[in-house]
Amino acid sequence: MRQDAMSNATGVVESMRRILGPRGRRAARHTVDALAGPWLGSIRRVRTNLPYVAVTFDDGPDRTWTPQVLDVLTDRACHATFFMLVCNARRHPELVRRMVAEGHEVALHGADHRSLAHLSRQAVRARLELAASELAAIAGAPVRLFRPPFGAQTLRSYLGTRDVGLDCVVWDLDSLDWCGGSEREVADSVITQATEGTIVLAHDGRAGIDEGASPHPPFDRARMTELLIGGLARRGLRNITVSDLLAIGDVRRTVWFSHYTPPEHDR
């Protein structure tokens, strides 16, 4: 019966989306965020006039791409936030420690890449408490931010996340670097859309790939990062960590609840 109710609710939401259209959905989102965002909102972006953005990286650390992405950030003298899977951090603790040593921010993406949207508040709290504690021990630094796998989040999982003392961070701009575009296409898309205070979703790894058995996808994440950071710099925008971005402007929160999980792409 619970599944039937969930399916009915999803159908209602989809019907409302079609009825409202793009402009109506934006207006509805603005109203909901203004009313409920301060209490139930996930961090989406920052309102600021200062020339800073936060390009963030999910799913690592990855033994192939993370060191190269870190080299690019070092060359560009900028910092980023890495939303990590504990299963990967456990496998590559030296990369986690390198991030901290070089001034980057370590954040949590989950114990693994399984969605938490189907779990109870208590189960989410227990799982994330263990994951955050282990990641902090590996990093030797506190973990304060969390991004749900797939962006899938319910009221239960949101509240469970907050119970642990973690703040939920989603994104304002998806690089779509998991959809098959070239490094240049992905970078150019972000460069043209980013504005002051934007939080960008990118990846330094790909969840679901067995590093010991499966080849990496034919997408050079370091090259994309180099093109992206360089292009943003030419527009006068500098990359900093999410926490540093939050400290310089007005935090914009959105009521972000979605069960969506891509059927073929484990982001």
C-alpha atoms as a PDB file:
ATOM      1  CA  MET A   1       0.000   0.000   0.000  1.00  0.00           C
ATOM      2  CA  ARG A   2       2.865   2.341   0.788  1.00  0.00           C
ATOM      3  CA  GLN A   3       4.314   1.733  -2.680  1.00  0.00           C
ATOM      4  CA  ASP A   4       0.917   2.461  -4.274  1.00  0.00           C
ATOM      5  CA  ALA A   5       0.669   5.718  -2.355  1.00  0.00           C
ATOM      6  CA  MET A   6       4.176   6.695  -3.441  1.00  0.00           C
ATOM      7  CA  SER A   7       3.352   5.914  -7.073  1.00  0.00           C
ATOM      8  CA  ASN A   8       0.151   7.961  -6.867  1.00  0.00           C
ATOM      9  CA  ALA A   9       2.020  10.894  -5.343  1.00  0.00           C
ATOM     10  CA  THR A  10       4.654  10.710  -8.053  1.00  0.00           C
ATOM     11  CA  GLY A  11       1.923  10.720 -10.688  1.00  0.00           C
ATOM     12  CA  VAL A  12       0.332  13.805  -9.163  1.00  0.00           C
ATOM     13  CA  VAL A  13       3.680  15.617  -9.106  1.00  0.00           C
ATOM     14  CA  GLU A  14       4.357  14.772 -12.755  1.00  0.00           C
ATOM     15  CA  SER A  15       0.859  15.933 -13.739  1.00  0.00           C
ATOM     16  CA  MET A  16       1.405  19.227 -11.941  1.00  0.00           C
ATOM     17  CA  ARG A  17       4.745  19.683 -13.694  1.00  0.00           C
ATOM     18  CA  ARG A  18       3.073  19.300 -17.078  1.00  0.00           C
ATOM     19  CA  ILE A  19       0.235  21.640 -16.169  1.00  0.00           C
ATOM     20  CA  LEU A  20       2.469  24.388 -14.789  1.00  0.00           C
ATOM     21  CA  GLY A  21       5.011  24.407 -17.613  1.00  0.00           C
ATOM     22  CA  PRO A  22       8.588  25.724 -17.242  1.00  0.00           C
ATOM     23  CA  ARG A  23       7.640  29.258 -16.179  1.00  0.00           C
ATOM     24  CA  GLY A  24       5.038  28.079 -13.710  1.00  0.00           C
ATOM     25  CA  ARG A  25       7.447  25.537 -12.227  1.00  0.00           C
ATOM     26  CA  ARG A  26      10.071  28.239 -11.695  1.00  0.00           C
ATOM     27  CA  ALA A  27       7.544  30.465  -9.969  1.00  0.00           C
ATOM     28  CA  ALA A  28       6.318  27.601  -7.787  1.00  0.00           C
ATOM     29  CA  ARG A  29       9.885  26.637  -6.905  1.00  0.00           C
ATOM     30  CA  HIS A  30      10.703  30.221  -5.940  1.00  0.00           C
ATOM     31  CA  THR A  31       7.656  30.390  -3.666  1.00  0.00           C
ATOM     32  CA  VAL A  32       8.321  27.036  -2.001  1.00  0.00           C
ATOM     33  CA  ASP A  33      12.011  27.822  -1.465  1.00  0.00           C
ATOM     34  CA  ALA A  34      11.202  31.228   0.021  1.00  0.00           C
ATOM     35  CA  LEU A  35       8.706  29.734   2.465  1.00  0.00           C
ATOM     36  CA  ALA A  36      10.307  26.413   3.410  1.00  0.00           C
ATOM     37  CA  GLY A  37      13.940  26.758   2.334  1.00  0.00           C
ATOM     38  CA  PRO A  38      15.248  28.072   5.674  1.00  0.00           C
ATOM     39  CA  TRP A  39      13.949  24.950   7.449  1.00  0.00           C
ATOM     40  CA  LEU A  40      13.941  22.202   4.835  1.00  0.00           C
ATOM     41  CA  GLY A  41      16.315  23.527   2.196  1.00  0.00           C
ATOM     42  CA  SER A  42      19.488  22.023   0.765  1.00  0.00           C
ATOM     43  CA  ILE A  43      22.298  24.389  -0.216  1.00  0.00           C
ATOM     44  CA  ARG A  44      22.076  25.122  -3.937  1.00  0.00           C
ATOM     45  CA  ARG A  45      24.150  28.252  -4.570  1.00  0.00           C
ATOM     46  CA  VAL A  46      25.300  31.499  -2.980  1.00  0.00           C
ATOM     47  CA  ARG A  47      24.141  34.998  -3.876  1.00  0.00           C
ATOM     48  CA  THR A  48      27.227  37.188  -4.082  1.00  0.00           C
ATOM     49  CA  ASN A  49      28.766  39.912  -6.215  1.00  0.00           C
ATOM     50  CA  LEU A  50      32.247  38.530  -5.618  1.00  0.00           C
ATOM     51  CA  PRO A  51      33.862  36.591  -8.504  1.00  0.00           C
ATOM     52  CA  TYR A  52      33.841  33.117  -7.003  1.00  0.00           C
ATOM     53  CA  VAL A  53      32.279  29.763  -7.880  1.00  0.00           C
ATOM     54  CA  ALA A  54      32.565  26.255  -6.426  1.00  0.00           C
ATOM     55  CA  VAL A  55      33.268  23.461  -8.894  1.00  0.00           C
ATOM     56  CA  THR A  56      32.723  20.291  -6.858  1.00  0.00           C
ATOM     57  CA  PHE A  57      33.752  16.709  -7.580  1.00  0.00           C
ATOM     58  CA  ASP A  58      31.759  13.565  -6.762  1.00  0.00           C
ATOM     59  CA  ASP A  59      32.430   9.817  -6.571  1.00  0.00           C
ATOM     60  CA  GLY A  60      36.166   9.770  -5.823  1.00  0.00           C
ATOM     61  CA  PRO A  61      38.819   9.421  -4.850  1.00  0.00           C
ATOM     62  CA  ASP A  62      39.783   7.629  -8.037  1.00  0.00           C
ATOM     63  CA  ARG A  63      43.319   6.300  -8.510  1.00  0.00           C
ATOM     64  CA  THR A  64      43.526   7.474 -12.124  1.00  0.00           C
ATOM     65  CA  TRP A  65      41.703  10.808 -12.279  1.00  0.00           C
ATOM     66  CA  THR A  66      41.874  12.292  -8.787  1.00  0.00           C
ATOM     67  CA  PRO A  67      45.674  12.821  -8.772  1.00  0.00           C
ATOM     68  CA  GLN A  68      45.466  14.477 -12.192  1.00  0.00           C
ATOM     69  CA  VAL A  69      42.560  16.714 -11.154  1.00  0.00           C
ATOM     70  CA  LEU A  70      44.533  17.717  -8.054  1.00  0.00           C
ATOM     71  CA  ASP A  71      47.533  18.567 -10.251  1.00  0.00           C
ATOM     72  CA  VAL A  72      45.340  20.866 -12.349  1.00  0.00           C
ATOM     73  CA  LEU A  73      43.983  22.616  -9.265  1.00  0.00           C
ATOM     74  CA  THR A  74      47.517  23.065  -7.931  1.00  0.00           C
ATOM     75  CA  ASP A  75      48.686  24.520 -11.242  1.00  0.00           C
ATOM     76  CA  ARG A  76      45.741  26.943 -11.184  1.00  0.00           C
ATOM     77  CA  ALA A  77      46.273  27.776  -7.491  1.00  0.00           C
ATOM     78  CA  CYS A  78      42.643  27.117  -6.574  1.00  0.00           C
ATOM     79  CA  HIS A  79      40.734  24.817  -4.244  1.00  0.00           C
ATOM     80  CA  ALA A  80      37.709  22.551  -4.552  1.00  0.00           C
ATOM     81  CA  THR A  81      35.322  20.422  -2.518  1.00  0.00           C
ATOM     82  CA  PHE A  82      35.385  16.659  -3.089  1.00  0.00           C
ATOM     83  CA  PHE A  83      32.240  14.706  -2.164  1.00  0.00           C
ATOM     84  CA  MET A  84      33.707  11.278  -1.513  1.00  0.00           C
ATOM     85  CA  LEU A  85      32.491   7.721  -1.261  1.00  0.00           C
ATOM     86  CA  VAL A  86      33.925   6.117   1.858  1.00  0.00           C
ATOM     87  CA  CYS A  87      34.506   2.830   0.011  1.00  0.00           C
ATOM     88  CA  ASN A  88      36.877   4.711  -2.320  1.00  0.00           C
ATOM     89  CA  ALA A  89      38.467   6.803   0.436  1.00  0.00           C
ATOM     90  CA  ARG A  90      39.233   3.588   2.305  1.00  0.00           C
ATOM     91  CA  ARG A  91      40.915   2.243  -0.825  1.00  0.00           C
ATOM     92  CA  HIS A  92      42.968   5.410  -1.463  1.00  0.00           C
ATOM     93  CA  PRO A  93      43.613   7.133   1.886  1.00  0.00           C
ATOM     94  CA  GLU A  94      46.768   8.774   0.558  1.00  0.00           C
ATOM     95  CA  LEU A  95      44.685  10.764  -1.935  1.00  0.00           C
ATOM     96  CA  VAL A  96      42.324  11.928   0.798  1.00  0.00           C
ATOM     97  CA  ARG A  97      45.243  13.109   2.888  1.00  0.00           C
ATOM     98  CA  ARG A  98      46.760  14.836  -0.122  1.00  0.00           C
ATOM     99  CA  MET A  99      43.549  16.790  -0.649  1.00  0.00           C
ATOM    100  CA  VAL A 100      43.582  18.038   2.923  1.00  0.00           C
ATOM    101  CA  ALA A 101      47.281  18.898   2.775  1.00  0.00           C
ATOM    102  CA  GLU A 102      46.724  20.953  -0.394  1.00  0.00           C
ATOM    103  CA  GLY A 103      43.837  22.934   1.073  1.00  0.00           C
ATOM    104  CA  HIS A 104      40.853  21.185  -0.492  1.00  0.00           C
ATOM    105  CA  GLU A 105      37.635  20.331   1.331  1.00  0.00           C
ATOM    106  CA  VAL A 106      36.670  16.737   2.082  1.00  0.00           C
ATOM    107  CA  ALA A 107      32.901  16.129   2.094  1.00  0.00           C
ATOM    108  CA  LEU A 108      30.702  13.023   2.154  1.00  0.00           C
ATOM    109  CA  HIS A 109      28.837  11.452  -0.755  1.00  0.00           C
ATOM    110  CA  GLY A 110      27.975   8.265   1.101  1.00  0.00           C
ATOM    111  CA  ALA A 111      29.433   5.027   2.370  1.00  0.00           C
ATOM    112  CA  ASP A 112      28.919   3.863  -1.210  1.00  0.00           C
ATOM    113  CA  HIS A 113      26.805   5.106  -4.108  1.00  0.00           C
ATOM    114  CA  ARG A 114      23.520   3.508  -3.116  1.00  0.00           C
ATOM    115  CA  SER A 115      20.540   5.839  -2.794  1.00  0.00           C
ATOM    116  CA  LEU A 116      19.323   6.612   0.721  1.00  0.00           C
ATOM    117  CA  ALA A 117      15.907   7.806  -0.433  1.00  0.00           C
ATOM    118  CA  HIS A 118      14.138   4.550   0.469  1.00  0.00           C
ATOM    119  CA  LEU A 119      15.524   4.363   4.017  1.00  0.00           C
ATOM    120  CA  SER A 120      13.984   5.518   7.278  1.00  0.00           C
ATOM    121  CA  ARG A 121      15.251   8.578   9.096  1.00  0.00           C
ATOM    122  CA  GLN A 122      16.850   6.355  11.720  1.00  0.00           C
ATOM    123  CA  ALA A 123      18.595   4.165   9.138  1.00  0.00           C
ATOM    124  CA  VAL A 124      19.968   7.193   7.290  1.00  0.00           C
ATOM    125  CA  ARG A 125      21.224   8.672  10.538  1.00  0.00           C
ATOM    126  CA  ALA A 126      22.997   5.449  11.503  1.00  0.00           C
ATOM    127  CA  ARG A 127      24.564   4.941   8.069  1.00  0.00           C
ATOM    128  CA  LEU A 128      25.785   8.505   7.647  1.00  0.00           C
ATOM    129  CA  GLU A 129      27.071   8.749  11.200  1.00  0.00           C
ATOM    130  CA  LEU A 130      29.384   5.796  10.589  1.00  0.00           C
ATOM    131  CA  ALA A 131      30.384   7.024   7.122  1.00  0.00           C
ATOM    132  CA  ALA A 132      31.159  10.586   8.244  1.00  0.00           C
ATOM    133  CA  SER A 133      33.142   9.338  11.213  1.00  0.00           C
ATOM    134  CA  GLU A 134      35.270   7.015   9.072  1.00  0.00           C
ATOM    135  CA  LEU A 135      35.886   9.646   6.402  1.00  0.00           C
ATOM    136  CA  ALA A 136      36.915  12.212   9.026  1.00  0.00           C
ATOM    137  CA  ALA A 137      39.340   9.689  10.528  1.00  0.00           C
ATOM    138  CA  ILE A 138      40.901   8.983   7.124  1.00  0.00           C
ATOM    139  CA  ALA A 139      41.140  12.682   6.272  1.00  0.00           C
ATOM    140  CA  GLY A 140      42.230  13.880   9.679  1.00  0.00           C
ATOM    141  CA  ALA A 141      39.768  16.724   9.165  1.00  0.00           C
ATOM    142  CA  PRO A 142      36.108  17.335  10.063  1.00  0.00           C
ATOM    143  CA  VAL A 143      33.367  16.421   7.571  1.00  0.00           C
ATOM    144  CA  ARG A 144      30.448  18.850   7.555  1.00  0.00           C
ATOM    145  CA  LEU A 145      28.840  18.617   4.106  1.00  0.00           C
ATOM    146  CA  PHE A 146      26.920  15.828   2.375  1.00  0.00           C
ATOM    147  CA  ARG A 147      25.601  15.361  -1.146  1.00  0.00           C
ATOM    148  CA  PRO A 148      23.084  12.521  -1.611  1.00  0.00           C
ATOM    149  CA  PRO A 149      23.935   9.939  -4.290  1.00  0.00           C
ATOM    150  CA  PHE A 150      21.995  10.630  -7.510  1.00  0.00           C
ATOM    151  CA  GLY A 151      20.657  13.761  -5.805  1.00  0.00           C
ATOM    152  CA  ALA A 152      17.957  11.392  -4.484  1.00  0.00           C
ATOM    153  CA  GLN A 153      16.508  12.717  -1.252  1.00  0.00           C
ATOM    154  CA  THR A 154      13.279  12.411   0.720  1.00  0.00           C
ATOM    155  CA  LEU A 155      12.105  14.255   3.796  1.00  0.00           C
ATOM    156  CA  ARG A 156      13.144  11.212   5.849  1.00  0.00           C
ATOM    157  CA  SER A 157      16.661  11.079   4.423  1.00  0.00           C
ATOM    158  CA  TYR A 158      17.035  14.855   4.674  1.00  0.00           C
ATOM    159  CA  LEU A 159      16.112  14.837   8.353  1.00  0.00           C
ATOM    160  CA  GLY A 160      18.387  11.855   9.006  1.00  0.00           C
ATOM    161  CA  THR A 161      21.243  13.751   7.384  1.00  0.00           C
ATOM    162  CA  ARG A 162      20.634  16.799   9.545  1.00  0.00           C
ATOM    163  CA  ASP A 163      20.435  14.586  12.649  1.00  0.00           C
ATOM    164  CA  VAL A 164      24.091  13.693  12.068  1.00  0.00           C
ATOM    165  CA  GLY A 165      25.027  17.380  11.872  1.00  0.00           C
ATOM    166  CA  LEU A 166      25.681  17.320   8.132  1.00  0.00           C
ATOM    167  CA  ASP A 167      24.439  20.053   5.811  1.00  0.00           C
ATOM    168  CA  CYS A 168      22.990  18.908   2.470  1.00  0.00           C
ATOM    169  CA  VAL A 169      24.569  20.401  -0.645  1.00  0.00           C
ATOM    170  CA  VAL A 170      23.077  19.895  -4.100  1.00  0.00           C
ATOM    171  CA  TRP A 171      24.040  22.035  -7.111  1.00  0.00           C
ATOM    172  CA  ASP A 172      23.005  24.962  -9.224  1.00  0.00           C
ATOM    173  CA  LEU A 173      24.665  23.747 -12.430  1.00  0.00           C
ATOM    174  CA  ASP A 174      25.215  20.142 -13.547  1.00  0.00           C
ATOM    175  CA  SER A 175      28.243  19.757 -15.814  1.00  0.00           C
ATOM    176  CA  LEU A 176      26.663  16.598 -17.305  1.00  0.00           C
ATOM    177  CA  ASP A 177      30.161  15.145 -17.544  1.00  0.00           C
ATOM    178  CA  TRP A 178      28.587  11.689 -17.231  1.00  0.00           C
ATOM    179  CA  CYS A 179      26.403  12.032 -20.352  1.00  0.00           C
ATOM    180  CA  GLY A 180      28.910  11.438 -23.135  1.00  0.00           C
ATOM    181  CA  GLY A 181      29.956  14.914 -24.293  1.00  0.00           C
ATOM    182  CA  SER A 182      33.572  15.761 -25.065  1.00  0.00           C
ATOM    183  CA  GLU A 183      35.809  17.482 -22.542  1.00  0.00           C
ATOM    184  CA  ARG A 184      35.531  20.750 -24.468  1.00  0.00           C
ATOM    185  CA  GLU A 185      31.745  20.537 -24.799  1.00  0.00           C
ATOM    186  CA  VAL A 186      31.288  19.867 -21.093  1.00  0.00           C
ATOM    187  CA  ALA A 187      33.651  22.642 -20.039  1.00  0.00           C
ATOM    188  CA  ASP A 188      32.202  25.210 -22.452  1.00  0.00           C
ATOM    189  CA  SER A 189      28.659  24.493 -21.288  1.00  0.00           C
ATOM    190  CA  VAL A 190      29.573  25.250 -17.676  1.00  0.00           C
ATOM    191  CA  ILE A 191      31.724  28.255 -18.550  1.00  0.00           C
ATOM    192  CA  THR A 192      28.901  29.946 -20.454  1.00  0.00           C
ATOM    193  CA  GLN A 193      26.289  29.319 -17.738  1.00  0.00           C
ATOM    194  CA  ALA A 194      28.226  29.908 -14.512  1.00  0.00           C
ATOM    195  CA  THR A 195      27.735  33.106 -12.548  1.00  0.00           C
ATOM    196  CA  GLU A 196      29.038  34.405  -9.242  1.00  0.00           C
ATOM    197  CA  GLY A 197      28.063  31.988  -6.465  1.00  0.00           C
ATOM    198  CA  THR A 198      27.322  28.993  -8.714  1.00  0.00           C
ATOM    199  CA  ILE A 199      27.882  25.489  -7.314  1.00  0.00           C
ATOM    200  CA  VAL A 200      28.871  23.137 -10.144  1.00  0.00           C
ATOM    201  CA  LEU A 201      28.489  19.354 -10.102  1.00  0.00           C
ATOM    202  CA  ALA A 202      31.395  17.462 -11.710  1.00  0.00           C
ATOM    203  CA  HIS A 203      33.097  14.108 -11.078  1.00  0.00           C
ATOM    204  CA  ASP A 204      36.642  12.948 -10.422  1.00  0.00           C
ATOM    205  CA  GLY A 205      35.496   9.312 -10.603  1.00  0.00           C
ATOM    206  CA  ARG A 206      32.640   7.143 -11.763  1.00  0.00           C
ATOM    207  CA  ALA A 207      30.675   5.185  -9.177  1.00  0.00           C
ATOM    208  CA  GLY A 208      30.012   1.560  -9.981  1.00  0.00           C
ATOM    209  CA  ILE A 209      33.279   0.962 -11.845  1.00  0.00           C
ATOM    210  CA  ASP A 210      35.507  -1.753 -10.406  1.00  0.00           C
ATOM    211  CA  GLU A 211      38.960  -0.212 -10.611  1.00  0.00           C
ATOM    212  CA  GLY A 212      40.598  -3.612 -10.680  1.00  0.00           C
ATOM    213  CA  ALA A 213      38.555  -5.045 -13.526  1.00  0.00           C
ATOM    214  CA  SER A 214      36.856  -2.368 -15.609  1.00  0.00           C
ATOM    215  CA  PRO A 215      38.442   0.289 -17.840  1.00  0.00           C
ATOM    216  CA  HIS A 216      37.752   3.922 -17.188  1.00  0.00           C
ATOM    217  CA  PRO A 217      35.327   5.624 -19.551  1.00  0.00           C
ATOM    218  CA  PRO A 218      36.959   7.492 -22.471  1.00  0.00           C
ATOM    219  CA  PHE A 219      36.587  10.877 -20.861  1.00  0.00           C
ATOM    220  CA  ASP A 220      39.615  12.801 -19.613  1.00  0.00           C
ATOM    221  CA  ARG A 221      38.424  14.356 -16.368  1.00  0.00           C
ATOM    222  CA  ALA A 222      41.700  16.173 -15.804  1.00  0.00           C
ATOM    223  CA  ARG A 223      41.548  17.770 -19.244  1.00  0.00           C
ATOM    224  CA  MET A 224      37.934  18.799 -18.672  1.00  0.00           C
ATOM    225  CA  THR A 225      38.912  20.340 -15.325  1.00  0.00           C
ATOM    226  CA  GLU A 226      41.800  22.208 -16.936  1.00  0.00           C
ATOM    227  CA  LEU A 227      39.551  23.607 -19.663  1.00  0.00           C
ATOM    228  CA  LEU A 228      36.827  24.483 -17.156  1.00  0.00           C
ATOM    229  CA  ILE A 229      38.997  26.229 -14.567  1.00  0.00           C
ATOM    230  CA  GLY A 230      40.885  28.079 -17.307  1.00  0.00           C
ATOM    231  CA  GLY A 231      37.683  29.189 -19.023  1.00  0.00           C
ATOM    232  CA  LEU A 232      36.155  30.385 -15.774  1.00  0.00           C
ATOM    233  CA  ALA A 233      39.326  32.336 -15.014  1.00  0.00           C
ATOM    234  CA  ARG A 234      39.085  34.088 -18.376  1.00  0.00           C
ATOM    235  CA  ARG A 235      35.608  35.205 -17.344  1.00  0.00           C
ATOM    236  CA  GLY A 236      37.063  36.515 -14.079  1.00  0.00           C
ATOM    237  CA  LEU A 237      35.667  33.670 -11.949  1.00  0.00           C
ATOM    238  CA  ARG A 238      37.855  31.831  -9.440  1.00  0.00           C
ATOM    239  CA  ASN A 239      37.153  28.403  -7.963  1.00  0.00           C
ATOM    240  CA  ILE A 240      36.984  27.980  -4.168  1.00  0.00           C
ATOM    241  CA  THR A 241      35.579  25.388  -1.774  1.00  0.00           C
ATOM    242  CA  VAL A 242      31.888  25.231  -0.926  1.00  0.00           C
ATOM    243  CA  SER A 243      32.528  26.265   2.675  1.00  0.00           C
ATOM    244  CA  ASP A 244      34.571  29.271   1.560  1.00  0.00           C
ATOM    245  CA  LEU A 245      31.808  30.207  -0.878  1.00  0.00           C
ATOM    246  CA  LEU A 246      29.178  29.974   1.858  1.00  0.00           C
ATOM    247  CA  ALA A 247      31.202  32.401   3.961  1.00  0.00           C
ATOM    248  CA  ILE A 248      31.148  35.247   1.437  1.00  0.00           C
ATOM    249  CA  GLY A 249      27.499  35.535   0.423  1.00  0.00           C
ATOM    250  CA  ASP A 250      23.842  34.838   1.068  1.00  0.00           C
ATOM    251  CA  VAL A 251      23.240  31.075   1.048  1.00  0.00           C
ATOM    252  CA  ARG A 252      20.404  30.048  -1.262  1.00  0.00           C
ATOM    253  CA  ARG A 253      18.571  26.893  -0.249  1.00  0.00           C
ATOM    254  CA  THR A 254      16.099  24.837  -2.226  1.00  0.00           C
ATOM    255  CA  VAL A 255      13.518  22.283  -1.091  1.00  0.00           C
ATOM    256  CA  TRP A 256      15.079  19.348  -2.919  1.00  0.00           C
ATOM    257  CA  PHE A 257      13.190  16.052  -2.659  1.00  0.00           C
ATOM    258  CA  SER A 258      13.499  13.491  -5.430  1.00  0.00           C
ATOM    259  CA  HIS A 259      13.561   9.693  -5.716  1.00  0.00           C
ATOM    260  CA  TYR A 260      15.184   9.903  -9.135  1.00  0.00           C
ATOM    261  CA  THR A 261      17.896   7.333  -9.835  1.00  0.00           C
ATOM    262  CA  PRO A 262      19.252   7.021 -13.406  1.00  0.00           C
ATOM    263  CA  PRO A 263      18.513   3.504 -14.713  1.00  0.00           C
ATOM    264  CA  GLU A 264      21.781   3.210 -16.651  1.00  0.00           C
ATOM    265  CA  HIS A 265      24.155   5.871 -15.366  1.00  0.00           C
ATOM    266  CA  ASP A 266      25.360   5.487 -11.788  1.00  0.00           C
ATOM    267  CA  ARG A 267      26.551   9.017 -11.223  1.00  0.00           C
END
